[in-house]
Amino acid sequence: MATSQLKALLVAAEPALRECLAPLSNLKLIRRCSQLRPAPSTGPQAACRHTLRLLAKRIQHLTEEINDRTARLSTAIDACAPKLLNLYGVGSDTAAALLTAAGDNPDRLASEASFAALCGVSPVEASSGKTQRRRLNRGGDRKANSALYTIVISRLRWDTRTRSYAERRVTDGKTRREAIRCLKRYVAREIYQALLTSKRQPPASVPAGRHP
Protein backbone atom coordinates (compact mmCIF):
# COMPACT_ATOMS: atom_id res chain seq x y z
CA MET A 1 0.00 0.00 0.00
CA ALA A 2 2.74 2.45 0.98
CA THR A 3 4.71 1.54 -2.15
CA SER A 4 1.66 2.24 -4.32
CA GLN A 5 1.20 5.60 -2.59
CA LEU A 6 4.83 6.46 -3.21
CA LYS A 7 4.62 5.63 -6.92
CA ALA A 8 1.34 7.53 -7.28
CA LEU A 9 2.91 10.59 -5.66
CA LEU A 10 5.96 10.32 -7.88
CA VAL A 11 3.75 11.07 -10.89
CA ALA A 12 3.11 14.55 -9.49
CA ALA A 13 6.76 15.23 -8.63
CA GLU A 14 8.82 17.84 -10.45
CA PRO A 15 9.92 16.59 -13.90
CA ALA A 16 13.64 16.45 -13.09
CA LEU A 17 13.05 14.39 -9.95
CA ARG A 18 10.47 12.14 -11.65
CA GLU A 19 12.76 11.37 -14.59
CA CYS A 20 15.58 10.56 -12.18
CA LEU A 21 13.55 8.21 -10.00
CA ALA A 22 11.08 6.60 -12.42
CA PRO A 23 13.53 4.09 -14.03
CA LEU A 24 14.71 2.72 -10.67
CA SER A 25 13.66 -0.65 -9.25
CA ASN A 26 11.48 -0.64 -6.16
CA LEU A 27 14.40 -1.28 -3.81
CA LYS A 28 16.55 1.50 -5.29
CA LEU A 29 13.57 3.85 -5.55
CA ILE A 30 12.74 3.47 -1.86
CA ARG A 31 16.37 3.93 -0.87
CA ARG A 32 16.76 7.09 -2.97
CA CYS A 33 13.49 8.58 -1.75
CA SER A 34 14.48 7.97 1.88
CA GLN A 35 17.63 10.02 1.21
CA LEU A 36 15.85 13.03 -0.33
CA ARG A 37 16.77 16.30 1.31
CA PRO A 38 14.07 18.85 2.16
CA ALA A 39 13.67 21.55 -0.50
CA PRO A 40 14.47 25.12 0.64
CA SER A 41 11.03 26.37 -0.46
CA THR A 42 7.65 25.64 1.07
CA GLY A 43 5.72 25.08 -2.15
CA PRO A 44 4.04 21.96 -3.54
CA GLN A 45 7.30 20.45 -4.78
CA ALA A 46 8.87 20.77 -1.33
CA ALA A 47 5.82 19.04 0.16
CA CYS A 48 6.09 16.30 -2.48
CA ARG A 49 9.74 15.66 -1.64
CA HIS A 50 8.97 15.57 2.07
CA THR A 51 6.09 13.12 1.57
CA LEU A 52 8.18 10.87 -0.67
CA ARG A 53 10.83 10.72 2.02
CA LEU A 54 8.27 9.91 4.75
CA LEU A 55 6.66 7.16 2.67
CA ALA A 56 10.05 5.62 1.85
CA LYS A 57 11.05 5.56 5.50
CA ARG A 58 7.68 4.00 6.40
CA ILE A 59 8.25 1.26 3.81
CA GLN A 60 11.73 0.57 5.20
CA HIS A 61 10.37 0.36 8.74
CA LEU A 62 7.53 -1.97 7.71
CA THR A 63 9.99 -4.13 5.76
CA GLU A 64 12.14 -4.52 8.87
CA GLU A 65 9.07 -5.57 10.87
CA ILE A 66 8.06 -8.09 8.21
CA ASN A 67 11.56 -9.56 8.04
CA ASP A 68 11.71 -9.86 11.84
CA ARG A 69 8.28 -11.50 11.98
CA THR A 70 9.17 -13.91 9.18
CA ALA A 71 12.42 -14.92 10.87
CA ARG A 72 10.69 -15.53 14.22
CA LEU A 73 7.87 -17.45 12.57
CA SER A 74 10.31 -19.61 10.60
CA THR A 75 12.21 -20.41 13.79
CA ALA A 76 9.00 -21.46 15.54
CA ILE A 77 7.94 -23.62 12.59
CA ASP A 78 11.36 -25.24 12.36
CA ALA A 79 11.14 -26.17 16.04
CA CYS A 80 8.03 -28.33 15.57
CA ALA A 81 8.10 -29.30 11.86
CA PRO A 82 11.60 -28.78 10.47
CA LYS A 83 10.83 -30.47 7.13
CA LEU A 84 7.80 -28.37 6.34
CA LEU A 85 9.62 -25.29 5.06
CA ASN A 86 11.77 -27.48 2.80
CA LEU A 87 8.77 -28.36 0.64
CA TYR A 88 8.61 -26.50 -2.66
CA GLY A 89 6.43 -23.39 -2.48
CA VAL A 90 5.84 -23.56 1.28
CA GLY A 91 6.59 -20.29 3.06
CA SER A 92 6.31 -19.25 6.67
CA ASP A 93 2.76 -17.90 6.32
CA THR A 94 1.36 -20.96 4.55
CA ALA A 95 3.22 -23.32 6.88
CA ALA A 96 1.81 -21.53 9.93
CA ALA A 97 -1.76 -21.82 8.60
CA LEU A 98 -1.34 -25.54 7.93
CA LEU A 99 0.26 -26.21 11.32
CA THR A 100 -2.59 -24.34 13.01
CA ALA A 101 -5.12 -26.50 11.18
CA ALA A 102 -3.32 -29.71 12.17
CA GLY A 103 -3.14 -28.64 15.81
CA ASP A 104 -0.58 -29.58 18.45
CA ASN A 105 -1.03 -33.28 17.77
CA PRO A 106 -1.11 -34.18 14.06
CA ASP A 107 -1.07 -37.88 15.05
CA ARG A 108 -4.77 -37.50 15.89
CA LEU A 109 -5.40 -37.38 12.15
CA ALA A 110 -5.94 -40.99 11.19
CA SER A 111 -4.66 -40.66 7.62
CA GLU A 112 -3.68 -38.24 4.91
CA ALA A 113 -7.30 -38.41 3.72
CA SER A 114 -8.49 -37.05 7.07
CA PHE A 115 -5.98 -34.19 6.83
CA ALA A 116 -7.17 -33.46 3.29
CA ALA A 117 -10.77 -33.35 4.55
CA LEU A 118 -9.68 -31.06 7.39
CA CYS A 119 -8.17 -28.67 4.83
CA GLY A 120 -11.21 -28.90 2.55
CA VAL A 121 -9.39 -30.53 -0.38
CA SER A 122 -10.91 -33.99 -0.28
CA PRO A 123 -12.84 -34.71 -3.50
CA VAL A 124 -16.61 -34.46 -3.41
CA GLU A 125 -18.59 -36.66 -5.76
CA ALA A 126 -20.59 -34.62 -8.27
CA SER A 127 -21.36 -37.19 -10.93
CA SER A 128 -24.64 -37.09 -12.81
CA GLY A 129 -25.87 -39.62 -15.33
CA LYS A 130 -23.03 -40.56 -17.64
CA THR A 131 -20.88 -37.65 -16.45
CA GLN A 132 -18.29 -38.70 -13.90
CA ARG A 133 -16.72 -35.79 -12.04
CA ARG A 134 -15.74 -34.47 -8.63
CA ARG A 135 -16.02 -30.90 -7.47
CA LEU A 136 -14.14 -28.66 -5.08
CA ASN A 137 -14.79 -29.21 -1.39
CA ARG A 138 -16.17 -26.04 0.18
CA GLY A 139 -15.86 -27.35 3.73
CA GLY A 140 -12.89 -27.71 6.06
CA ASP A 141 -10.49 -25.10 7.40
CA ARG A 142 -10.62 -22.28 4.85
CA LYS A 143 -7.29 -20.73 5.92
CA ALA A 144 -5.55 -24.06 5.41
CA ASN A 145 -7.35 -24.44 2.09
CA SER A 146 -6.15 -20.99 1.05
CA ALA A 147 -2.60 -21.91 2.09
CA LEU A 148 -2.69 -25.01 -0.14
CA TYR A 149 -4.03 -22.92 -3.01
CA THR A 150 -1.17 -20.43 -2.57
CA ILE A 151 1.37 -23.27 -2.67
CA VAL A 152 -0.21 -24.72 -5.82
CA ILE A 153 -0.26 -21.35 -7.61
CA SER A 154 3.39 -20.84 -6.68
CA ARG A 155 4.29 -24.24 -8.12
CA LEU A 156 2.27 -23.62 -11.26
CA ARG A 157 4.29 -20.46 -11.80
CA TRP A 158 7.78 -21.79 -11.10
CA ASP A 159 7.76 -25.61 -11.13
CA THR A 160 7.84 -27.25 -14.57
CA ARG A 161 6.62 -30.63 -13.26
CA THR A 162 3.53 -29.03 -11.73
CA ARG A 163 2.75 -27.16 -14.94
CA SER A 164 3.18 -30.33 -16.97
CA TYR A 165 0.82 -32.21 -14.65
CA ALA A 166 -1.84 -29.50 -14.87
CA GLU A 167 -1.57 -29.36 -18.66
CA ARG A 168 -1.89 -33.14 -18.86
CA ARG A 169 -5.02 -33.16 -16.71
CA VAL A 170 -6.57 -30.41 -18.84
CA THR A 171 -5.73 -32.39 -21.96
CA ASP A 172 -7.49 -35.39 -20.39
CA GLY A 173 -10.68 -33.34 -20.15
CA LYS A 174 -10.36 -31.76 -16.71
CA THR A 175 -11.01 -28.06 -16.21
CA ARG A 176 -8.25 -25.86 -14.78
CA ARG A 177 -10.19 -25.67 -11.51
CA GLU A 178 -10.37 -29.47 -11.32
CA ALA A 179 -6.63 -29.72 -12.07
CA ILE A 180 -5.91 -27.29 -9.22
CA ARG A 181 -8.14 -29.37 -6.93
CA CYS A 182 -6.07 -32.45 -7.75
CA LEU A 183 -2.87 -30.53 -7.08
CA LYS A 184 -4.16 -29.27 -3.73
CA ARG A 185 -4.92 -32.85 -2.74
CA TYR A 186 -1.40 -33.88 -3.75
CA VAL A 187 0.16 -31.04 -1.74
CA ALA A 188 -1.98 -31.97 1.28
CA ARG A 189 -0.47 -35.47 1.09
CA GLU A 190 3.05 -33.97 1.12
CA ILE A 191 2.21 -31.70 4.05
CA TYR A 192 0.74 -34.57 6.05
CA GLN A 193 3.85 -36.69 5.54
CA ALA A 194 6.09 -33.78 6.53
CA LEU A 195 4.09 -33.17 9.70
CA LEU A 196 4.39 -36.81 10.78
CA THR A 197 7.99 -37.53 9.79
CA SER A 198 9.69 -34.23 10.59
CA LYS A 199 9.09 -34.19 14.32
CA ARG A 200 12.39 -33.94 16.16
CA GLN A 201 13.39 -37.06 18.03
CA PRO A 202 14.27 -36.66 21.73
CA PRO A 203 17.91 -37.32 22.66
CA ALA A 204 18.69 -40.96 23.39
CA SER A 205 18.80 -41.81 27.09
CA VAL A 206 22.11 -42.90 28.61
CA PRO A 207 22.06 -46.48 29.99
CA ALA A 208 22.38 -46.77 33.75
CA GLY A 209 25.96 -46.89 34.98
CA ARG A 210 27.31 -45.07 31.91
CA HIS A 211 28.20 -41.47 31.39
CA PRO A 212 28.16 -39.52 28.14
C-alpha atoms as a PDB file:
ATOM      1  CA  MET A   1       0.000   0.000   0.000  1.00  0.00           C
ATOM      2  CA  ALA A   2       2.737   2.454   0.976  1.00  0.00           C
ATOM      3  CA  THR A   3       4.714   1.543  -2.153  1.00  0.00           C
ATOM      4  CA  SER A   4       1.660   2.235  -4.323  1.00  0.00           C
ATOM      5  CA  GLN A   5       1.195   5.597  -2.593  1.00  0.00           C
ATOM      6  CA  LEU A   6       4.831   6.464  -3.206  1.00  0.00           C
ATOM      7  CA  LYS A   7       4.616   5.635  -6.918  1.00  0.00           C
ATOM      8  CA  ALA A   8       1.344   7.535  -7.285  1.00  0.00           C
ATOM      9  CA  LEU A   9       2.906  10.594  -5.660  1.00  0.00           C
ATOM     10  CA  LEU A  10       5.961  10.319  -7.885  1.00  0.00           C
ATOM     11  CA  VAL A  11       3.747  11.068 -10.895  1.00  0.00           C
ATOM     12  CA  ALA A  12       3.108  14.554  -9.486  1.00  0.00           C
ATOM     13  CA  ALA A  13       6.756  15.233  -8.627  1.00  0.00           C
ATOM     14  CA  GLU A  14       8.823  17.839 -10.455  1.00  0.00           C
ATOM     15  CA  PRO A  15       9.919  16.593 -13.898  1.00  0.00           C
ATOM     16  CA  ALA A  16      13.639  16.451 -13.091  1.00  0.00           C
ATOM     17  CA  LEU A  17      13.054  14.389  -9.946  1.00  0.00           C
ATOM     18  CA  ARG A  18      10.474  12.142 -11.648  1.00  0.00           C
ATOM     19  CA  GLU A  19      12.764  11.375 -14.594  1.00  0.00           C
ATOM     20  CA  CYS A  20      15.582  10.563 -12.179  1.00  0.00           C
ATOM     21  CA  LEU A  21      13.552   8.213 -10.000  1.00  0.00           C
ATOM     22  CA  ALA A  22      11.085   6.595 -12.421  1.00  0.00           C
ATOM     23  CA  PRO A  23      13.530   4.088 -14.035  1.00  0.00           C
ATOM     24  CA  LEU A  24      14.709   2.717 -10.667  1.00  0.00           C
ATOM     25  CA  SER A  25      13.665  -0.652  -9.253  1.00  0.00           C
ATOM     26  CA  ASN A  26      11.484  -0.640  -6.155  1.00  0.00           C
ATOM     27  CA  LEU A  27      14.397  -1.275  -3.812  1.00  0.00           C
ATOM     28  CA  LYS A  28      16.551   1.503  -5.288  1.00  0.00           C
ATOM     29  CA  LEU A  29      13.569   3.845  -5.546  1.00  0.00           C
ATOM     30  CA  ILE A  30      12.737   3.470  -1.863  1.00  0.00           C
ATOM     31  CA  ARG A  31      16.372   3.934  -0.870  1.00  0.00           C
ATOM     32  CA  ARG A  32      16.763   7.092  -2.968  1.00  0.00           C
ATOM     33  CA  CYS A  33      13.490   8.581  -1.747  1.00  0.00           C
ATOM     34  CA  SER A  34      14.483   7.973   1.877  1.00  0.00           C
ATOM     35  CA  GLN A  35      17.626  10.022   1.213  1.00  0.00           C
ATOM     36  CA  LEU A  36      15.854  13.028  -0.331  1.00  0.00           C
ATOM     37  CA  ARG A  37      16.770  16.300   1.311  1.00  0.00           C
ATOM     38  CA  PRO A  38      14.072  18.852   2.155  1.00  0.00           C
ATOM     39  CA  ALA A  39      13.671  21.548  -0.501  1.00  0.00           C
ATOM     40  CA  PRO A  40      14.471  25.118   0.637  1.00  0.00           C
ATOM     41  CA  SER A  41      11.032  26.374  -0.464  1.00  0.00           C
ATOM     42  CA  THR A  42       7.648  25.642   1.072  1.00  0.00           C
ATOM     43  CA  GLY A  43       5.716  25.079  -2.150  1.00  0.00           C
ATOM     44  CA  PRO A  44       4.038  21.963  -3.545  1.00  0.00           C
ATOM     45  CA  GLN A  45       7.304  20.453  -4.776  1.00  0.00           C
ATOM     46  CA  ALA A  46       8.870  20.766  -1.331  1.00  0.00           C
ATOM     47  CA  ALA A  47       5.817  19.038   0.164  1.00  0.00           C
ATOM     48  CA  CYS A  48       6.087  16.302  -2.479  1.00  0.00           C
ATOM     49  CA  ARG A  49       9.745  15.661  -1.643  1.00  0.00           C
ATOM     50  CA  HIS A  50       8.967  15.566   2.071  1.00  0.00           C
ATOM     51  CA  THR A  51       6.086  13.118   1.575  1.00  0.00           C
ATOM     52  CA  LEU A  52       8.178  10.870  -0.675  1.00  0.00           C
ATOM     53  CA  ARG A  53      10.835  10.725   2.023  1.00  0.00           C
ATOM     54  CA  LEU A  54       8.273   9.910   4.751  1.00  0.00           C
ATOM     55  CA  LEU A  55       6.664   7.156   2.671  1.00  0.00           C
ATOM     56  CA  ALA A  56      10.055   5.620   1.846  1.00  0.00           C
ATOM     57  CA  LYS A  57      11.051   5.563   5.505  1.00  0.00           C
ATOM     58  CA  ARG A  58       7.685   3.998   6.402  1.00  0.00           C
ATOM     59  CA  ILE A  59       8.252   1.265   3.808  1.00  0.00           C
ATOM     60  CA  GLN A  60      11.725   0.572   5.196  1.00  0.00           C
ATOM     61  CA  HIS A  61      10.365   0.356   8.736  1.00  0.00           C
ATOM     62  CA  LEU A  62       7.529  -1.975   7.714  1.00  0.00           C
ATOM     63  CA  THR A  63       9.988  -4.126   5.756  1.00  0.00           C
ATOM     64  CA  GLU A  64      12.137  -4.519   8.872  1.00  0.00           C
ATOM     65  CA  GLU A  65       9.069  -5.565  10.868  1.00  0.00           C
ATOM     66  CA  ILE A  66       8.056  -8.090   8.206  1.00  0.00           C
ATOM     67  CA  ASN A  67      11.563  -9.562   8.044  1.00  0.00           C
ATOM     68  CA  ASP A  68      11.711  -9.862  11.835  1.00  0.00           C
ATOM     69  CA  ARG A  69       8.281 -11.502  11.976  1.00  0.00           C
ATOM     70  CA  THR A  70       9.169 -13.909   9.181  1.00  0.00           C
ATOM     71  CA  ALA A  71      12.418 -14.919  10.875  1.00  0.00           C
ATOM     72  CA  ARG A  72      10.694 -15.532  14.222  1.00  0.00           C
ATOM     73  CA  LEU A  73       7.866 -17.447  12.574  1.00  0.00           C
ATOM     74  CA  SER A  74      10.307 -19.608  10.598  1.00  0.00           C
ATOM     75  CA  THR A  75      12.210 -20.409  13.793  1.00  0.00           C
ATOM     76  CA  ALA A  76       9.001 -21.457  15.541  1.00  0.00           C
ATOM     77  CA  ILE A  77       7.936 -23.616  12.588  1.00  0.00           C
ATOM     78  CA  ASP A  78      11.359 -25.244  12.356  1.00  0.00           C
ATOM     79  CA  ALA A  79      11.140 -26.172  16.041  1.00  0.00           C
ATOM     80  CA  CYS A  80       8.032 -28.326  15.569  1.00  0.00           C
ATOM     81  CA  ALA A  81       8.102 -29.301  11.864  1.00  0.00           C
ATOM     82  CA  PRO A  82      11.605 -28.775  10.468  1.00  0.00           C
ATOM     83  CA  LYS A  83      10.834 -30.473   7.132  1.00  0.00           C
ATOM     84  CA  LEU A  84       7.800 -28.374   6.341  1.00  0.00           C
ATOM     85  CA  LEU A  85       9.616 -25.294   5.060  1.00  0.00           C
ATOM     86  CA  ASN A  86      11.772 -27.484   2.802  1.00  0.00           C
ATOM     87  CA  LEU A  87       8.768 -28.361   0.638  1.00  0.00           C
ATOM     88  CA  TYR A  88       8.610 -26.498  -2.656  1.00  0.00           C
ATOM     89  CA  GLY A  89       6.426 -23.394  -2.478  1.00  0.00           C
ATOM     90  CA  VAL A  90       5.841 -23.562   1.282  1.00  0.00           C
ATOM     91  CA  GLY A  91       6.593 -20.290   3.055  1.00  0.00           C
ATOM     92  CA  SER A  92       6.315 -19.253   6.672  1.00  0.00           C
ATOM     93  CA  ASP A  93       2.757 -17.899   6.320  1.00  0.00           C
ATOM     94  CA  THR A  94       1.360 -20.958   4.555  1.00  0.00           C
ATOM     95  CA  ALA A  95       3.223 -23.320   6.882  1.00  0.00           C
ATOM     96  CA  ALA A  96       1.806 -21.530   9.929  1.00  0.00           C
ATOM     97  CA  ALA A  97      -1.760 -21.819   8.595  1.00  0.00           C
ATOM     98  CA  LEU A  98      -1.335 -25.545   7.926  1.00  0.00           C
ATOM     99  CA  LEU A  99       0.256 -26.210  11.321  1.00  0.00           C
ATOM    100  CA  THR A 100      -2.588 -24.345  13.014  1.00  0.00           C
ATOM    101  CA  ALA A 101      -5.117 -26.497  11.175  1.00  0.00           C
ATOM    102  CA  ALA A 102      -3.316 -29.707  12.168  1.00  0.00           C
ATOM    103  CA  GLY A 103      -3.142 -28.637  15.814  1.00  0.00           C
ATOM    104  CA  ASP A 104      -0.582 -29.577  18.447  1.00  0.00           C
ATOM    105  CA  ASN A 105      -1.027 -33.282  17.772  1.00  0.00           C
ATOM    106  CA  PRO A 106      -1.105 -34.183  14.055  1.00  0.00           C
ATOM    107  CA  ASP A 107      -1.073 -37.878  15.054  1.00  0.00           C
ATOM    108  CA  ARG A 108      -4.768 -37.497  15.892  1.00  0.00           C
ATOM    109  CA  LEU A 109      -5.403 -37.380  12.153  1.00  0.00           C
ATOM    110  CA  ALA A 110      -5.944 -40.995  11.192  1.00  0.00           C
ATOM    111  CA  SER A 111      -4.665 -40.657   7.621  1.00  0.00           C
ATOM    112  CA  GLU A 112      -3.684 -38.242   4.915  1.00  0.00           C
ATOM    113  CA  ALA A 113      -7.300 -38.410   3.724  1.00  0.00           C
ATOM    114  CA  SER A 114      -8.490 -37.052   7.071  1.00  0.00           C
ATOM    115  CA  PHE A 115      -5.980 -34.187   6.826  1.00  0.00           C
ATOM    116  CA  ALA A 116      -7.173 -33.459   3.287  1.00  0.00           C
ATOM    117  CA  ALA A 117     -10.771 -33.353   4.554  1.00  0.00           C
ATOM    118  CA  LEU A 118      -9.681 -31.062   7.394  1.00  0.00           C
ATOM    119  CA  CYS A 119      -8.175 -28.674   4.825  1.00  0.00           C
ATOM    120  CA  GLY A 120     -11.210 -28.901   2.550  1.00  0.00           C
ATOM    121  CA  VAL A 121      -9.394 -30.526  -0.379  1.00  0.00           C
ATOM    122  CA  SER A 122     -10.907 -33.990  -0.279  1.00  0.00           C
ATOM    123  CA  PRO A 123     -12.836 -34.713  -3.500  1.00  0.00           C
ATOM    124  CA  VAL A 124     -16.613 -34.456  -3.406  1.00  0.00           C
ATOM    125  CA  GLU A 125     -18.586 -36.660  -5.759  1.00  0.00           C
ATOM    126  CA  ALA A 126     -20.589 -34.617  -8.270  1.00  0.00           C
ATOM    127  CA  SER A 127     -21.364 -37.195 -10.930  1.00  0.00           C
ATOM    128  CA  SER A 128     -24.641 -37.086 -12.810  1.00  0.00           C
ATOM    129  CA  GLY A 129     -25.872 -39.619 -15.327  1.00  0.00           C
ATOM    130  CA  LYS A 130     -23.028 -40.558 -17.638  1.00  0.00           C
ATOM    131  CA  THR A 131     -20.880 -37.647 -16.449  1.00  0.00           C
ATOM    132  CA  GLN A 132     -18.292 -38.704 -13.901  1.00  0.00           C
ATOM    133  CA  ARG A 133     -16.718 -35.793 -12.039  1.00  0.00           C
ATOM    134  CA  ARG A 134     -15.745 -34.473  -8.634  1.00  0.00           C
ATOM    135  CA  ARG A 135     -16.019 -30.900  -7.468  1.00  0.00           C
ATOM    136  CA  LEU A 136     -14.136 -28.664  -5.076  1.00  0.00           C
ATOM    137  CA  ASN A 137     -14.789 -29.211  -1.386  1.00  0.00           C
ATOM    138  CA  ARG A 138     -16.174 -26.044   0.175  1.00  0.00           C
ATOM    139  CA  GLY A 139     -15.857 -27.349   3.729  1.00  0.00           C
ATOM    140  CA  GLY A 140     -12.890 -27.707   6.056  1.00  0.00           C
ATOM    141  CA  ASP A 141     -10.491 -25.096   7.398  1.00  0.00           C
ATOM    142  CA  ARG A 142     -10.616 -22.278   4.847  1.00  0.00           C
ATOM    143  CA  LYS A 143      -7.289 -20.734   5.919  1.00  0.00           C
ATOM    144  CA  ALA A 144      -5.551 -24.059   5.412  1.00  0.00           C
ATOM    145  CA  ASN A 145      -7.348 -24.441   2.092  1.00  0.00           C
ATOM    146  CA  SER A 146      -6.149 -20.988   1.051  1.00  0.00           C
ATOM    147  CA  ALA A 147      -2.603 -21.910   2.086  1.00  0.00           C
ATOM    148  CA  LEU A 148      -2.690 -25.005  -0.136  1.00  0.00           C
ATOM    149  CA  TYR A 149      -4.035 -22.923  -3.009  1.00  0.00           C
ATOM    150  CA  THR A 150      -1.169 -20.432  -2.569  1.00  0.00           C
ATOM    151  CA  ILE A 151       1.365 -23.270  -2.674  1.00  0.00           C
ATOM    152  CA  VAL A 152      -0.210 -24.721  -5.817  1.00  0.00           C
ATOM    153  CA  ILE A 153      -0.261 -21.353  -7.610  1.00  0.00           C
ATOM    154  CA  SER A 154       3.390 -20.839  -6.685  1.00  0.00           C
ATOM    155  CA  ARG A 155       4.287 -24.240  -8.117  1.00  0.00           C
ATOM    156  CA  LEU A 156       2.267 -23.617 -11.261  1.00  0.00           C
ATOM    157  CA  ARG A 157       4.291 -20.464 -11.800  1.00  0.00           C
ATOM    158  CA  TRP A 158       7.776 -21.793 -11.098  1.00  0.00           C
ATOM    159  CA  ASP A 159       7.756 -25.615 -11.126  1.00  0.00           C
ATOM    160  CA  THR A 160       7.836 -27.255 -14.569  1.00  0.00           C
ATOM    161  CA  ARG A 161       6.619 -30.626 -13.265  1.00  0.00           C
ATOM    162  CA  THR A 162       3.526 -29.028 -11.735  1.00  0.00           C
ATOM    163  CA  ARG A 163       2.752 -27.159 -14.944  1.00  0.00           C
ATOM    164  CA  SER A 164       3.180 -30.327 -16.971  1.00  0.00           C
ATOM    165  CA  TYR A 165       0.824 -32.210 -14.647  1.00  0.00           C
ATOM    166  CA  ALA A 166      -1.841 -29.496 -14.872  1.00  0.00           C
ATOM    167  CA  GLU A 167      -1.566 -29.358 -18.663  1.00  0.00           C
ATOM    168  CA  ARG A 168      -1.887 -33.142 -18.857  1.00  0.00           C
ATOM    169  CA  ARG A 169      -5.022 -33.156 -16.712  1.00  0.00           C
ATOM    170  CA  VAL A 170      -6.573 -30.406 -18.837  1.00  0.00           C
ATOM    171  CA  THR A 171      -5.729 -32.388 -21.957  1.00  0.00           C
ATOM    172  CA  ASP A 172      -7.491 -35.388 -20.386  1.00  0.00           C
ATOM    173  CA  GLY A 173     -10.684 -33.340 -20.150  1.00  0.00           C
ATOM    174  CA  LYS A 174     -10.364 -31.763 -16.705  1.00  0.00           C
ATOM    175  CA  THR A 175     -11.008 -28.064 -16.213  1.00  0.00           C
ATOM    176  CA  ARG A 176      -8.253 -25.864 -14.778  1.00  0.00           C
ATOM    177  CA  ARG A 177     -10.188 -25.670 -11.508  1.00  0.00           C
ATOM    178  CA  GLU A 178     -10.370 -29.467 -11.319  1.00  0.00           C
ATOM    179  CA  ALA A 179      -6.634 -29.722 -12.066  1.00  0.00           C
ATOM    180  CA  ILE A 180      -5.914 -27.295  -9.224  1.00  0.00           C
ATOM    181  CA  ARG A 181      -8.144 -29.370  -6.930  1.00  0.00           C
ATOM    182  CA  CYS A 182      -6.072 -32.449  -7.746  1.00  0.00           C
ATOM    183  CA  LEU A 183      -2.869 -30.528  -7.083  1.00  0.00           C
ATOM    184  CA  LYS A 184      -4.161 -29.266  -3.732  1.00  0.00           C
ATOM    185  CA  ARG A 185      -4.922 -32.845  -2.744  1.00  0.00           C
ATOM    186  CA  TYR A 186      -1.404 -33.880  -3.748  1.00  0.00           C
ATOM    187  CA  VAL A 187       0.161 -31.041  -1.736  1.00  0.00           C
ATOM    188  CA  ALA A 188      -1.982 -31.970   1.282  1.00  0.00           C
ATOM    189  CA  ARG A 189      -0.467 -35.466   1.088  1.00  0.00           C
ATOM    190  CA  GLU A 190       3.049 -33.971   1.120  1.00  0.00           C
ATOM    191  CA  ILE A 191       2.208 -31.704   4.047  1.00  0.00           C
ATOM    192  CA  TYR A 192       0.738 -34.567   6.054  1.00  0.00           C
ATOM    193  CA  GLN A 193       3.849 -36.693   5.544  1.00  0.00           C
ATOM    194  CA  ALA A 194       6.086 -33.779   6.533  1.00  0.00           C
ATOM    195  CA  LEU A 195       4.088 -33.175   9.702  1.00  0.00           C
ATOM    196  CA  LEU A 196       4.389 -36.809  10.779  1.00  0.00           C
ATOM    197  CA  THR A 197       7.992 -37.531   9.792  1.00  0.00           C
ATOM    198  CA  SER A 198       9.692 -34.230  10.589  1.00  0.00           C
ATOM    199  CA  LYS A 199       9.094 -34.185  14.325  1.00  0.00           C
ATOM    200  CA  ARG A 200      12.387 -33.940  16.162  1.00  0.00           C
ATOM    201  CA  GLN A 201      13.394 -37.061  18.033  1.00  0.00           C
ATOM    202  CA  PRO A 202      14.270 -36.660  21.726  1.00  0.00           C
ATOM    203  CA  PRO A 203      17.907 -37.321  22.656  1.00  0.00           C
ATOM    204  CA  ALA A 204      18.691 -40.956  23.394  1.00  0.00           C
ATOM    205  CA  SER A 205      18.799 -41.807  27.092  1.00  0.00           C
ATOM    206  CA  VAL A 206      22.111 -42.899  28.611  1.00  0.00           C
ATOM    207  CA  PRO A 207      22.057 -46.477  29.995  1.00  0.00           C
ATOM    208  CA  ALA A 208      22.375 -46.774  33.752  1.00  0.00           C
ATOM    209  CA  GLY A 209      25.956 -46.890  34.977  1.00  0.00           C
ATOM    210  CA  ARG A 210      27.308 -45.070  31.911  1.00  0.00           C
ATOM    211  CA  HIS A 211      28.203 -41.469  31.395  1.00  0.00           C
ATOM    212  CA  PRO A 212      28.158 -39.521  28.140  1.00  0.00           C
END
